Amino acid sequence: MTSSDDPRPLMVEIGHLLYGRFLTNTAGGNISCRVGERIYITPRGLGSRHRWKLREDMIVVVDIDRNPIEGDPAMISREGQMHFACYRHFPEINGVVHAHARDLSVFAAAGEPVTPTMEYTRKFGTVEVVPALPAHSREVADAVVEKLRPRRETLKKNGLGLILAGHGAVTVGRDLADAYDVMERLEWSAHVLLMRRLLAMPLDQA
């Protein structure tokens, strides 16, 4: 592997962006990517213990079966099952972002989908809701796979996102930059939807 193939600098940059742009919080979130036969994934406790001050040496590197390459596999984020399930079932997916974005979390709490608002979010279609399931479970990983499966052809062209009811959101992409791009665009879309609802309020309810 050459230094140009190493995704860890980008992972650090995206981790800092997620926290700095209110796309996640100290309660959790995790990012990963696949490069060749290697999976790069953030460690557990990145939010609560490190306030998303991610460093390259904190990133765990394993193969698809979690065999260690660099770092301790026991430190893989507890929601790693969701990431690995996406990689196993979809060769089109090479980046996954799970986050607690501020405005998307409103829709997660309500269990509501996010509909496209602008030209730059139409390609994602309606962001569907995965039912409330234990956050670190095989069940939620399987449910994410089942929601993505009917849209496999779309994954060849662009990333997609899902609302995790009562939890947050997950986005997937052709690479990590793609998955991050989806998360930021969908968060903006969620904000626009919320503002539109406020604009529709009668003045006597303001």
C-alpha atoms as a PDB file:
ATOM      1  CA  MET A   1       0.000   0.000   0.000  1.00  0.00           C
ATOM      2  CA  THR A   2       1.289   3.455  -0.887  1.00  0.00           C
ATOM      3  CA  SER A   3       0.734   6.521   1.267  1.00  0.00           C
ATOM      4  CA  SER A   4      -1.765   7.782  -1.313  1.00  0.00           C
ATOM      5  CA  ASP A   5      -3.904   4.659  -0.738  1.00  0.00           C
ATOM      6  CA  ASP A   6      -4.007   5.115   3.035  1.00  0.00           C
ATOM      7  CA  PRO A   7      -7.472   6.440   3.989  1.00  0.00           C
ATOM      8  CA  ARG A   8      -6.564   7.335   7.578  1.00  0.00           C
ATOM      9  CA  PRO A   9      -5.788  11.029   6.951  1.00  0.00           C
ATOM     10  CA  LEU A  10      -9.196  11.425   5.300  1.00  0.00           C
ATOM     11  CA  MET A  11     -10.868   9.539   8.164  1.00  0.00           C
ATOM     12  CA  VAL A  12      -9.320  11.956  10.654  1.00  0.00           C
ATOM     13  CA  GLU A  13     -10.478  14.942   8.600  1.00  0.00           C
ATOM     14  CA  ILE A  14     -14.020  13.594   8.285  1.00  0.00           C
ATOM     15  CA  GLY A  15     -14.184  12.680  11.970  1.00  0.00           C
ATOM     16  CA  HIS A  16     -13.329  16.257  12.916  1.00  0.00           C
ATOM     17  CA  LEU A  17     -15.845  17.617  10.402  1.00  0.00           C
ATOM     18  CA  LEU A  18     -18.634  15.423  11.768  1.00  0.00           C
ATOM     19  CA  TYR A  19     -18.194  16.769  15.287  1.00  0.00           C
ATOM     20  CA  GLY A  20     -17.420  20.351  14.321  1.00  0.00           C
ATOM     21  CA  ARG A  21     -20.416  20.647  12.000  1.00  0.00           C
ATOM     22  CA  PHE A  22     -22.888  19.119  14.503  1.00  0.00           C
ATOM     23  CA  LEU A  23     -23.245  16.003  12.373  1.00  0.00           C
ATOM     24  CA  THR A  24     -22.629  13.866  15.441  1.00  0.00           C
ATOM     25  CA  ASN A  25     -22.120  14.231  19.186  1.00  0.00           C
ATOM     26  CA  THR A  26     -20.312  12.648  22.115  1.00  0.00           C
ATOM     27  CA  ALA A  27     -23.038  10.014  22.437  1.00  0.00           C
ATOM     28  CA  GLY A  28     -21.608   8.116  19.506  1.00  0.00           C
ATOM     29  CA  GLY A  29     -21.188   7.692  15.802  1.00  0.00           C
ATOM     30  CA  ASN A  30     -18.549   5.834  13.800  1.00  0.00           C
ATOM     31  CA  ILE A  31     -16.960   5.817  10.371  1.00  0.00           C
ATOM     32  CA  SER A  32     -15.291   3.165   8.254  1.00  0.00           C
ATOM     33  CA  CYS A  33     -14.061   2.470   4.769  1.00  0.00           C
ATOM     34  CA  ARG A  34     -12.880  -0.420   2.653  1.00  0.00           C
ATOM     35  CA  VAL A  35      -9.679  -0.168   0.643  1.00  0.00           C
ATOM     36  CA  GLY A  36      -8.803  -3.368  -1.179  1.00  0.00           C
ATOM     37  CA  GLU A  37      -9.060  -6.217   1.322  1.00  0.00           C
ATOM     38  CA  ARG A  38      -8.746  -3.937   4.339  1.00  0.00           C
ATOM     39  CA  ILE A  39     -11.465  -2.395   6.496  1.00  0.00           C
ATOM     40  CA  TYR A  40     -10.526   0.769   8.416  1.00  0.00           C
ATOM     41  CA  ILE A  41     -12.863   1.612  11.297  1.00  0.00           C
ATOM     42  CA  THR A  42     -12.958   4.035  14.206  1.00  0.00           C
ATOM     43  CA  PRO A  43     -12.625   2.795  17.810  1.00  0.00           C
ATOM     44  CA  ARG A  44     -15.281   2.600  20.497  1.00  0.00           C
ATOM     45  CA  GLY A  45     -15.567   5.558  22.849  1.00  0.00           C
ATOM     46  CA  LEU A  46     -14.454   8.040  20.195  1.00  0.00           C
ATOM     47  CA  GLY A  47     -17.206  10.459  21.204  1.00  0.00           C
ATOM     48  CA  SER A  48     -17.617   9.928  24.924  1.00  0.00           C
ATOM     49  CA  ARG A  49     -13.925   9.576  25.792  1.00  0.00           C
ATOM     50  CA  HIS A  50     -12.165  11.521  23.055  1.00  0.00           C
ATOM     51  CA  ARG A  51     -14.712  14.143  21.903  1.00  0.00           C
ATOM     52  CA  TRP A  52     -13.994  13.008  18.341  1.00  0.00           C
ATOM     53  CA  LYS A  53     -10.331  14.009  18.489  1.00  0.00           C
ATOM     54  CA  LEU A  54      -9.543  11.142  16.153  1.00  0.00           C
ATOM     55  CA  ARG A  55      -5.913  10.325  15.365  1.00  0.00           C
ATOM     56  CA  GLU A  56      -4.586   8.009  12.682  1.00  0.00           C
ATOM     57  CA  ASP A  57      -3.078   5.626  15.240  1.00  0.00           C
ATOM     58  CA  MET A  58      -6.516   5.116  16.852  1.00  0.00           C
ATOM     59  CA  ILE A  59      -8.024   3.593  13.686  1.00  0.00           C
ATOM     60  CA  VAL A  60      -8.345  -0.198  13.686  1.00  0.00           C
ATOM     61  CA  VAL A  61      -7.478  -2.094  10.489  1.00  0.00           C
ATOM     62  CA  VAL A  62      -8.862  -5.598   9.898  1.00  0.00           C
ATOM     63  CA  ASP A  63      -9.989  -7.816   7.052  1.00  0.00           C
ATOM     64  CA  ILE A  64     -13.657  -8.525   6.306  1.00  0.00           C
ATOM     65  CA  ASP A  65     -13.636 -11.321   8.903  1.00  0.00           C
ATOM     66  CA  ARG A  66     -12.224  -8.964  11.563  1.00  0.00           C
ATOM     67  CA  ASN A  67      -8.826 -10.619  11.547  1.00  0.00           C
ATOM     68  CA  PRO A  68      -6.348  -8.033  12.852  1.00  0.00           C
ATOM     69  CA  ILE A  69      -3.979  -6.166  10.561  1.00  0.00           C
ATOM     70  CA  GLU A  70      -3.267  -3.105  12.693  1.00  0.00           C
ATOM     71  CA  GLY A  71      -4.667  -2.321  16.127  1.00  0.00           C
ATOM     72  CA  ASP A  72      -6.854  -4.310  18.477  1.00  0.00           C
ATOM     73  CA  PRO A  73     -10.079  -5.702  16.919  1.00  0.00           C
ATOM     74  CA  ALA A  74     -11.646  -5.654  20.390  1.00  0.00           C
ATOM     75  CA  MET A  75     -11.585  -1.859  20.124  1.00  0.00           C
ATOM     76  CA  ILE A  76     -13.771  -1.761  16.996  1.00  0.00           C
ATOM     77  CA  SER A  77     -16.818   0.435  17.506  1.00  0.00           C
ATOM     78  CA  ARG A  78     -19.703  -1.515  19.010  1.00  0.00           C
ATOM     79  CA  GLU A  79     -21.785  -0.683  15.947  1.00  0.00           C
ATOM     80  CA  GLY A  80     -19.230  -2.301  13.687  1.00  0.00           C
ATOM     81  CA  GLN A  81     -21.713  -5.050  12.819  1.00  0.00           C
ATOM     82  CA  MET A  82     -23.681  -2.567  10.729  1.00  0.00           C
ATOM     83  CA  HIS A  83     -20.563  -1.496   8.827  1.00  0.00           C
ATOM     84  CA  PHE A  84     -19.340  -5.043   8.160  1.00  0.00           C
ATOM     85  CA  ALA A  85     -22.805  -6.162   7.050  1.00  0.00           C
ATOM     86  CA  CYS A  86     -22.839  -3.401   4.423  1.00  0.00           C
ATOM     87  CA  TYR A  87     -19.430  -4.441   3.107  1.00  0.00           C
ATOM     88  CA  ARG A  88     -20.309  -8.144   3.020  1.00  0.00           C
ATOM     89  CA  HIS A  89     -23.549  -7.680   1.106  1.00  0.00           C
ATOM     90  CA  PHE A  90     -22.681  -4.785  -1.205  1.00  0.00           C
ATOM     91  CA  PRO A  91     -19.407  -4.632  -3.130  1.00  0.00           C
ATOM     92  CA  GLU A  92     -20.612  -1.204  -4.291  1.00  0.00           C
ATOM     93  CA  ILE A  93     -20.235   0.156  -0.748  1.00  0.00           C
ATOM     94  CA  ASN A  94     -16.754   1.216   0.347  1.00  0.00           C
ATOM     95  CA  GLY A  95     -17.594   3.853   2.958  1.00  0.00           C
ATOM     96  CA  VAL A  96     -20.037   3.985   5.889  1.00  0.00           C
ATOM     97  CA  VAL A  97     -20.847   6.880   8.223  1.00  0.00           C
ATOM     98  CA  HIS A  98     -23.083   6.501  11.258  1.00  0.00           C
ATOM     99  CA  ALA A  99     -23.845   9.717  13.107  1.00  0.00           C
ATOM    100  CA  HIS A 100     -26.209  11.560  15.418  1.00  0.00           C
ATOM    101  CA  ALA A 101     -26.721  14.607  13.211  1.00  0.00           C
ATOM    102  CA  ARG A 102     -28.655  17.359  14.971  1.00  0.00           C
ATOM    103  CA  ASP A 103     -31.589  17.829  12.578  1.00  0.00           C
ATOM    104  CA  LEU A 104     -31.714  14.275  11.273  1.00  0.00           C
ATOM    105  CA  SER A 105     -32.061  13.225  14.915  1.00  0.00           C
ATOM    106  CA  VAL A 106     -35.429  15.002  15.038  1.00  0.00           C
ATOM    107  CA  PHE A 107     -36.676  12.658  12.314  1.00  0.00           C
ATOM    108  CA  ALA A 108     -35.055   9.685  14.039  1.00  0.00           C
ATOM    109  CA  ALA A 109     -36.894  10.566  17.265  1.00  0.00           C
ATOM    110  CA  ALA A 110     -40.187  10.892  15.379  1.00  0.00           C
ATOM    111  CA  GLY A 111     -39.555   7.811  13.227  1.00  0.00           C
ATOM    112  CA  GLU A 112     -40.263   9.879  10.120  1.00  0.00           C
ATOM    113  CA  PRO A 113     -38.628   9.628   6.677  1.00  0.00           C
ATOM    114  CA  VAL A 114     -36.834  12.588   5.105  1.00  0.00           C
ATOM    115  CA  THR A 115     -38.153  13.558   1.685  1.00  0.00           C
ATOM    116  CA  PRO A 116     -35.999  15.347  -0.906  1.00  0.00           C
ATOM    117  CA  THR A 117     -36.052  19.117  -0.572  1.00  0.00           C
ATOM    118  CA  MET A 118     -33.567  20.459  -3.105  1.00  0.00           C
ATOM    119  CA  GLU A 119     -32.148  19.491  -6.493  1.00  0.00           C
ATOM    120  CA  TYR A 120     -29.010  18.172  -4.794  1.00  0.00           C
ATOM    121  CA  THR A 121     -30.933  15.686  -2.637  1.00  0.00           C
ATOM    122  CA  ARG A 122     -33.356  14.277  -5.238  1.00  0.00           C
ATOM    123  CA  LYS A 123     -30.951  11.531  -6.249  1.00  0.00           C
ATOM    124  CA  PHE A 124     -31.215  10.023  -2.760  1.00  0.00           C
ATOM    125  CA  GLY A 125     -34.992   9.677  -2.971  1.00  0.00           C
ATOM    126  CA  THR A 126     -36.931   9.412   0.277  1.00  0.00           C
ATOM    127  CA  VAL A 127     -34.681   8.511   3.197  1.00  0.00           C
ATOM    128  CA  GLU A 128     -36.481   5.547   4.724  1.00  0.00           C
ATOM    129  CA  VAL A 129     -36.723   4.648   8.393  1.00  0.00           C
ATOM    130  CA  VAL A 130     -35.195   1.532   9.928  1.00  0.00           C
ATOM    131  CA  PRO A 131     -37.433   0.499  12.875  1.00  0.00           C
ATOM    132  CA  ALA A 132     -36.149   1.019  16.395  1.00  0.00           C
ATOM    133  CA  LEU A 133     -33.793  -1.849  17.221  1.00  0.00           C
ATOM    134  CA  PRO A 134     -30.960  -2.288  19.735  1.00  0.00           C
ATOM    135  CA  ALA A 135     -28.148   0.015  18.584  1.00  0.00           C
ATOM    136  CA  HIS A 136     -25.312  -2.492  18.608  1.00  0.00           C
ATOM    137  CA  SER A 137     -27.248  -5.535  17.463  1.00  0.00           C
ATOM    138  CA  ARG A 138     -27.144  -7.922  14.546  1.00  0.00           C
ATOM    139  CA  GLU A 139     -30.840  -7.092  14.068  1.00  0.00           C
ATOM    140  CA  VAL A 140     -30.184  -3.458  13.188  1.00  0.00           C
ATOM    141  CA  ALA A 141     -27.338  -4.496  10.856  1.00  0.00           C
ATOM    142  CA  ASP A 142     -29.663  -6.915   9.041  1.00  0.00           C
ATOM    143  CA  ALA A 143     -32.424  -4.301   8.850  1.00  0.00           C
ATOM    144  CA  VAL A 144     -30.067  -1.774   7.237  1.00  0.00           C
ATOM    145  CA  VAL A 145     -29.041  -4.360   4.633  1.00  0.00           C
ATOM    146  CA  GLU A 146     -32.681  -5.173   3.844  1.00  0.00           C
ATOM    147  CA  LYS A 147     -33.562  -1.494   3.377  1.00  0.00           C
ATOM    148  CA  LEU A 148     -30.628  -0.984   1.015  1.00  0.00           C
ATOM    149  CA  ARG A 149     -31.062  -4.172  -0.999  1.00  0.00           C
ATOM    150  CA  PRO A 150     -33.912  -2.939  -3.295  1.00  0.00           C
ATOM    151  CA  ARG A 151     -31.821   0.133  -4.210  1.00  0.00           C
ATOM    152  CA  ARG A 152     -28.656  -1.682  -5.197  1.00  0.00           C
ATOM    153  CA  GLU A 153     -28.600  -0.177  -8.685  1.00  0.00           C
ATOM    154  CA  THR A 154     -28.621   3.319  -7.169  1.00  0.00           C
ATOM    155  CA  LEU A 155     -25.558   2.447  -5.111  1.00  0.00           C
ATOM    156  CA  LYS A 156     -23.599   2.117  -8.361  1.00  0.00           C
ATOM    157  CA  LYS A 157     -24.270   5.806  -9.076  1.00  0.00           C
ATOM    158  CA  ASN A 158     -24.354   7.522  -5.688  1.00  0.00           C
ATOM    159  CA  GLY A 159     -24.559   6.948  -1.964  1.00  0.00           C
ATOM    160  CA  LEU A 160     -27.714   6.529   0.110  1.00  0.00           C
ATOM    161  CA  GLY A 161     -28.882   7.168   3.649  1.00  0.00           C
ATOM    162  CA  LEU A 162     -31.274   5.737   6.216  1.00  0.00           C
ATOM    163  CA  ILE A 163     -32.883   7.039   9.375  1.00  0.00           C
ATOM    164  CA  LEU A 164     -32.339   4.788  12.399  1.00  0.00           C
ATOM    165  CA  ALA A 165     -35.483   5.256  14.499  1.00  0.00           C
ATOM    166  CA  GLY A 166     -34.740   6.465  17.998  1.00  0.00           C
ATOM    167  CA  HIS A 167     -31.037   6.597  17.255  1.00  0.00           C
ATOM    168  CA  GLY A 168     -29.598   8.600  14.363  1.00  0.00           C
ATOM    169  CA  ALA A 169     -28.696   8.058  10.730  1.00  0.00           C
ATOM    170  CA  VAL A 170     -26.396   5.964   8.576  1.00  0.00           C
ATOM    171  CA  THR A 171     -25.067   6.783   5.124  1.00  0.00           C
ATOM    172  CA  VAL A 172     -23.178   4.591   2.674  1.00  0.00           C
ATOM    173  CA  GLY A 173     -21.174   5.472  -0.409  1.00  0.00           C
ATOM    174  CA  ARG A 174     -18.820   4.304  -3.101  1.00  0.00           C
ATOM    175  CA  ASP A 175     -16.035   5.535  -0.824  1.00  0.00           C
ATOM    176  CA  LEU A 176     -15.816   7.357   2.495  1.00  0.00           C
ATOM    177  CA  ALA A 177     -15.936  10.831   0.943  1.00  0.00           C
ATOM    178  CA  ASP A 178     -19.159   9.827  -0.821  1.00  0.00           C
ATOM    179  CA  ALA A 179     -20.728   8.562   2.415  1.00  0.00           C
ATOM    180  CA  TYR A 180     -19.785  11.783   4.221  1.00  0.00           C
ATOM    181  CA  ASP A 181     -21.212  13.876   1.379  1.00  0.00           C
ATOM    182  CA  VAL A 182     -24.540  12.057   1.702  1.00  0.00           C
ATOM    183  CA  MET A 183     -24.671  12.682   5.459  1.00  0.00           C
ATOM    184  CA  GLU A 184     -24.067  16.412   5.088  1.00  0.00           C
ATOM    185  CA  ARG A 185     -26.591  16.810   2.265  1.00  0.00           C
ATOM    186  CA  LEU A 186     -29.266  14.850   4.138  1.00  0.00           C
ATOM    187  CA  GLU A 187     -28.674  16.858   7.302  1.00  0.00           C
ATOM    188  CA  TRP A 188     -29.198  20.029   5.290  1.00  0.00           C
ATOM    189  CA  SER A 189     -32.352  18.525   3.814  1.00  0.00           C
ATOM    190  CA  ALA A 190     -33.661  17.704   7.291  1.00  0.00           C
ATOM    191  CA  HIS A 191     -32.997  21.289   8.362  1.00  0.00           C
ATOM    192  CA  VAL A 192     -34.862  22.634   5.324  1.00  0.00           C
ATOM    193  CA  LEU A 193     -37.860  20.401   6.071  1.00  0.00           C
ATOM    194  CA  LEU A 194     -38.007  21.608   9.665  1.00  0.00           C
ATOM    195  CA  MET A 195     -37.752  25.265   8.610  1.00  0.00           C
ATOM    196  CA  ARG A 196     -40.501  24.760   6.029  1.00  0.00           C
ATOM    197  CA  ARG A 197     -42.769  23.480   8.774  1.00  0.00           C
ATOM    198  CA  LEU A 198     -42.046  26.559  10.841  1.00  0.00           C
ATOM    199  CA  LEU A 199     -42.807  28.851   7.890  1.00  0.00           C
ATOM    200  CA  ALA A 200     -46.178  27.142   7.502  1.00  0.00           C
ATOM    201  CA  MET A 201     -47.165  27.943  11.093  1.00  0.00           C
ATOM    202  CA  PRO A 202     -49.916  30.575  11.502  1.00  0.00           C
ATOM    203  CA  LEU A 203     -48.687  33.780  13.117  1.00  0.00           C
ATOM    204  CA  ASP A 204     -50.791  33.220  16.233  1.00  0.00           C
ATOM    205  CA  GLN A 205     -48.819  30.015  16.885  1.00  0.00           C
ATOM    206  CA  ALA A 206     -45.399  31.667  16.545  1.00  0.00           C
END
